[in-house]
Amino acid sequence: MNSKFPFYPFLAAITLGLAPFLPEPHIVGKIRWIMGGGVGMGPMDYLDVLLHGAPWLWLFFSLFKWIQGAKKMYLRGTKNKTMATYECSNCGMAVNASCAKCNQPLEHDILTLDNGSEVQISICRSCEGKIKSPQCCGSDMSCSA
């Protein structure tokens, strides 16, 4: 899902969709003609409406998908997920963390190294980013999740 504004459909709609611009946009004149009953319109005129209307349909579809994607990203970021809470056994300080890339809560996980030892890590399930668990008072903080 792309969070960028649909630039190319917008550019196509304002150029191809409105050309020629004077004395009025071509598509506007054709729509008025159709709204007036379309008397005297031939196949070429209907093809003209289709060709000048296609960039607008592309733009509306792209805007719809863009808005839906933004809505999903917003809702994904606001879901109540269980966030890993790391706590220092010495001083009691606790840390919650979220991914700066996609704003998802980091979850506790264990990474097994090649030599068989295990390391506590925090992982982002969305973008699969990983970091080592935080430290406090000179030792790794333990996770309660």
Foldseek 3Di string as FASTA:
>chain_A
DDLDQPVVLVVCLVPLLQPPPPPHGPLVVLVVCVVVPVPPDDPVSVVSNVRSCVSVVVNVVRVVVNVVVVVVLVVQLPDDDDAWWFAAPPPGDIDWDADPVSNHTWHWDWDQDPVGDIFIWTADPPVGDIDGADDDPPGGTDTPD
